[in-house]
Amino acid sequence: MKYPDKFDNGFYDNLRSLMDSNALMLVVASRKQLDVYANDYHFGSSFFNIGHTIYLKELTTDEAIELSRLPTRSTNGAALSVDEQNHAQQWGDRYPYKLQLAGYYLWEARQQGKPIKWAKQQFEQQIADRKQQQWKWKLWPYFIFVDLPKRLGSFTKFTGETVSDFGSWIIGMTIIVMVILVLAGVLHWNQVWDFMRDKLGIK
């Protein structure tokens, strides 16, 4: 039996049918609401109309304390000592992800015989790495629409032309748009080269 390469509407319809018949309880965690993904990927399944949405946000103080006191599968009592729970609550600052991350490294430190200082270093490094990844993701529009065009347009300095930063950006954006039009079949590569020779003095 050959399975499809991608999940299609039939797959999601079957999931919804199992949920409607109480044969399956499904909790979906996502960055965006499901109907956003349905629109983006053109799904028409009723699966994406799930009505009950819970937004993950900062916990209350009582919820944070309760989370830090959770046991492991092999223990009946709390996985963390009282002192470790206090550290987890301080580092986690009532955010679910941070609390669980703090708890994980505090537990790992005890298992490996390492000090709490080690756990805090590991925790802070993970938080710093995550922020850096998020920052890079936020910067991509700047790179695509500002930095890349300026870099492309800056080659005019090799032709002896003096062009301002804004002029370099205009030239770069023109090149990017023309390449897109070539890929879309609107222009031909010869027209791009003609433009670069005639307007930019490139031979």
Protein backbone atom coordinates (compact mmCIF):
# COMPACT_ATOMS: atom_id res chain seq x y z
CA MET A 1 0.00 0.00 0.00
CA LYS A 2 1.41 3.36 -1.00
CA TYR A 3 0.89 6.16 1.47
CA PRO A 4 0.59 9.79 0.31
CA ASP A 5 3.67 12.01 0.64
CA LYS A 6 1.67 14.67 2.48
CA PHE A 7 -1.28 14.76 4.84
CA ASP A 8 -4.31 15.62 2.72
CA ASN A 9 -7.88 16.64 3.49
CA GLY A 10 -8.87 12.96 3.79
CA PHE A 11 -6.37 12.44 6.59
CA TYR A 12 -7.66 15.43 8.55
CA ASP A 13 -11.30 14.45 7.88
CA ASN A 14 -10.60 11.03 9.42
CA LEU A 15 -9.03 12.67 12.45
CA ARG A 16 -12.08 14.88 12.88
CA SER A 17 -14.38 11.87 12.54
CA LEU A 18 -12.52 10.04 15.31
CA MET A 19 -12.77 13.11 17.51
CA ASP A 20 -16.49 13.56 16.84
CA SER A 21 -17.15 9.91 17.76
CA ASN A 22 -15.15 10.30 21.01
CA ALA A 23 -12.66 7.68 19.82
CA LEU A 24 -9.80 10.18 19.96
CA MET A 25 -8.97 13.14 22.16
CA LEU A 26 -6.46 15.37 20.42
CA VAL A 27 -4.55 18.34 21.81
CA VAL A 28 -2.71 20.37 19.16
CA ALA A 29 0.05 22.83 20.07
CA SER A 30 0.81 25.38 17.37
CA ARG A 31 2.31 28.83 16.92
CA LYS A 32 -0.79 30.05 15.07
CA GLN A 33 -4.48 29.18 15.07
CA LEU A 34 -5.30 26.12 12.96
CA ASP A 35 -7.50 28.02 10.51
CA VAL A 36 -4.44 30.09 9.55
CA TYR A 37 -2.67 26.92 8.43
CA ALA A 38 -5.80 25.77 6.62
CA ASN A 39 -5.83 28.97 4.59
CA ASP A 40 -2.09 28.91 3.95
CA TYR A 41 -2.08 25.32 2.68
CA HIS A 42 -5.57 25.34 1.13
CA PHE A 43 -7.16 22.69 3.36
CA GLY A 44 -10.94 22.45 3.33
CA SER A 45 -11.29 19.84 6.08
CA SER A 46 -13.58 20.57 9.04
CA PHE A 47 -10.70 19.42 11.28
CA PHE A 48 -9.37 22.97 11.19
CA ASN A 49 -12.61 24.36 12.67
CA ILE A 50 -11.86 23.01 16.13
CA GLY A 51 -13.58 25.45 18.45
CA HIS A 52 -11.82 25.29 21.81
CA THR A 53 -8.58 27.28 21.76
CA ILE A 54 -6.42 27.88 24.82
CA TYR A 55 -3.70 30.49 24.54
CA LEU A 56 -0.54 29.60 26.44
CA LYS A 57 0.51 32.55 28.56
CA GLU A 58 2.11 33.46 31.85
CA LEU A 59 0.95 31.25 34.73
CA THR A 60 -0.40 32.45 38.02
CA THR A 61 1.87 32.14 41.07
CA ASP A 62 -0.12 29.12 42.33
CA GLU A 63 0.08 27.40 38.93
CA ALA A 64 3.84 28.00 38.75
CA ILE A 65 4.30 26.50 42.23
CA GLU A 66 2.15 23.49 41.28
CA LEU A 67 4.16 22.93 38.10
CA SER A 68 7.46 23.01 39.99
CA ARG A 69 6.15 20.34 42.39
CA LEU A 70 5.26 17.74 39.78
CA PRO A 71 6.66 14.21 40.32
CA THR A 72 8.51 12.03 37.80
CA ARG A 73 7.14 8.70 36.58
CA SER A 74 9.30 6.85 39.07
CA THR A 75 8.57 8.95 42.16
CA ASN A 76 5.45 9.64 44.17
CA GLY A 77 6.64 12.94 45.62
CA ALA A 78 7.94 16.02 43.87
CA ALA A 79 10.87 15.46 41.51
CA LEU A 80 12.61 18.58 42.81
CA SER A 81 13.61 19.39 46.36
CA VAL A 82 12.09 22.43 48.05
CA ASP A 83 15.26 24.43 47.37
CA GLU A 84 15.25 23.35 43.71
CA GLN A 85 11.58 24.27 43.40
CA ASN A 86 12.37 27.77 44.65
CA HIS A 87 15.16 28.13 42.09
CA ALA A 88 12.88 26.89 39.30
CA GLN A 89 10.20 29.40 40.24
CA GLN A 90 12.72 32.25 40.36
CA TRP A 91 14.33 31.38 37.02
CA GLY A 92 11.09 30.47 35.30
CA ASP A 93 9.30 33.68 36.23
CA ARG A 94 5.87 32.01 35.79
CA TYR A 95 6.44 31.13 32.12
CA PRO A 96 5.63 27.45 31.35
CA TYR A 97 8.59 26.88 29.00
CA LYS A 98 11.11 28.52 31.34
CA LEU A 99 9.75 26.70 34.39
CA GLN A 100 10.02 23.30 32.73
CA LEU A 101 13.48 24.10 31.37
CA ALA A 102 14.66 25.23 34.80
CA GLY A 103 13.20 22.11 36.40
CA TYR A 104 14.89 19.88 33.82
CA TYR A 105 18.37 21.29 34.40
CA LEU A 106 17.98 21.33 38.18
CA TRP A 107 16.97 17.67 38.07
CA GLU A 108 19.84 16.88 35.66
CA ALA A 109 22.32 18.63 37.95
CA ARG A 110 21.28 16.47 40.90
CA GLN A 111 21.39 13.28 38.84
CA GLN A 112 24.91 14.09 37.62
CA GLY A 113 26.17 15.37 40.96
CA LYS A 114 26.67 18.90 39.65
CA PRO A 115 26.02 22.17 41.53
CA ILE A 116 23.01 24.42 41.04
CA LYS A 117 25.37 26.95 39.43
CA TRP A 118 25.84 24.48 36.55
CA ALA A 119 22.07 24.13 36.16
CA LYS A 120 21.64 27.89 36.00
CA GLN A 121 24.38 28.22 33.37
CA GLN A 122 22.72 25.55 31.21
CA PHE A 123 19.32 27.18 31.66
CA GLU A 124 20.58 30.67 30.76
CA GLN A 125 22.45 29.34 27.71
CA GLN A 126 19.29 27.68 26.39
CA ILE A 127 17.28 30.87 26.90
CA ALA A 128 19.97 32.94 25.15
CA ASP A 129 20.09 30.51 22.19
CA ARG A 130 16.32 30.62 21.86
CA LYS A 131 16.25 34.43 21.87
CA GLN A 132 18.99 34.51 19.24
CA GLN A 133 17.02 32.17 16.99
CA GLN A 134 13.89 34.26 17.40
CA TRP A 135 15.84 37.44 16.64
CA LYS A 136 17.31 35.95 13.46
CA TRP A 137 13.81 34.94 12.33
CA LYS A 138 12.55 38.49 12.89
CA LEU A 139 15.47 39.93 10.89
CA TRP A 140 14.84 38.04 7.64
CA PRO A 141 12.50 40.71 6.16
CA TYR A 142 15.23 43.30 6.72
CA PHE A 143 17.76 41.09 4.94
CA ILE A 144 15.44 40.37 1.98
CA PHE A 145 14.11 43.89 1.45
CA VAL A 146 16.98 46.11 2.63
CA ASP A 147 20.33 44.41 3.08
CA LEU A 148 20.29 42.10 0.03
CA PRO A 149 19.27 44.82 -2.47
CA LYS A 150 21.96 47.16 -1.11
CA ARG A 151 24.58 44.42 -1.45
CA LEU A 152 23.50 43.67 -5.01
CA GLY A 153 23.47 47.33 -5.95
CA SER A 154 26.84 48.09 -4.37
CA PHE A 155 28.72 46.35 -7.20
CA THR A 156 28.41 49.61 -9.19
CA LYS A 157 31.45 50.91 -7.30
CA PHE A 158 33.52 48.52 -9.38
CA THR A 159 32.32 50.28 -12.55
CA GLY A 160 33.63 53.62 -11.36
CA GLU A 161 30.15 54.97 -10.58
CA THR A 162 29.51 56.82 -7.32
CA VAL A 163 26.10 55.78 -6.01
CA SER A 164 24.47 56.57 -2.68
CA ASP A 165 23.13 53.85 -0.37
CA PHE A 166 19.62 54.60 -1.56
CA GLY A 167 20.79 54.40 -5.17
CA SER A 168 22.40 51.02 -4.48
CA TRP A 169 19.14 49.84 -2.91
CA ILE A 170 17.13 50.94 -5.98
CA ILE A 171 19.54 49.16 -8.33
CA GLY A 172 19.50 46.01 -6.20
CA MET A 173 15.69 45.94 -5.97
CA THR A 174 15.46 46.42 -9.74
CA ILE A 175 17.75 43.43 -10.29
CA ILE A 176 15.76 41.26 -7.85
CA VAL A 177 12.43 42.18 -9.49
CA MET A 178 13.83 41.49 -12.97
CA VAL A 179 15.16 38.07 -11.88
CA ILE A 180 11.74 37.21 -10.43
CA LEU A 181 10.10 38.26 -13.72
CA VAL A 182 12.56 36.03 -15.61
CA LEU A 183 11.71 33.07 -13.40
CA ALA A 184 8.00 33.82 -13.92
CA GLY A 185 8.53 33.80 -17.69
CA VAL A 186 7.67 37.48 -18.16
CA LEU A 187 11.19 38.57 -19.12
CA HIS A 188 14.14 36.86 -20.78
CA TRP A 189 17.68 36.79 -19.40
CA ASN A 190 18.87 38.81 -22.40
CA GLN A 191 16.67 41.69 -21.29
CA VAL A 192 18.29 41.64 -17.86
CA TRP A 193 21.78 41.77 -19.35
CA ASP A 194 20.73 44.57 -21.73
CA PHE A 195 19.46 46.58 -18.75
CA MET A 196 22.69 46.06 -16.83
CA ARG A 197 24.80 47.09 -19.83
CA ASP A 198 22.71 50.10 -20.83
CA LYS A 199 21.81 51.51 -17.41
CA LEU A 200 24.70 50.40 -15.25
CA GLY A 201 27.57 50.54 -17.70
CA ILE A 202 28.45 46.85 -17.33
CA LYS A 203 30.17 45.25 -20.30
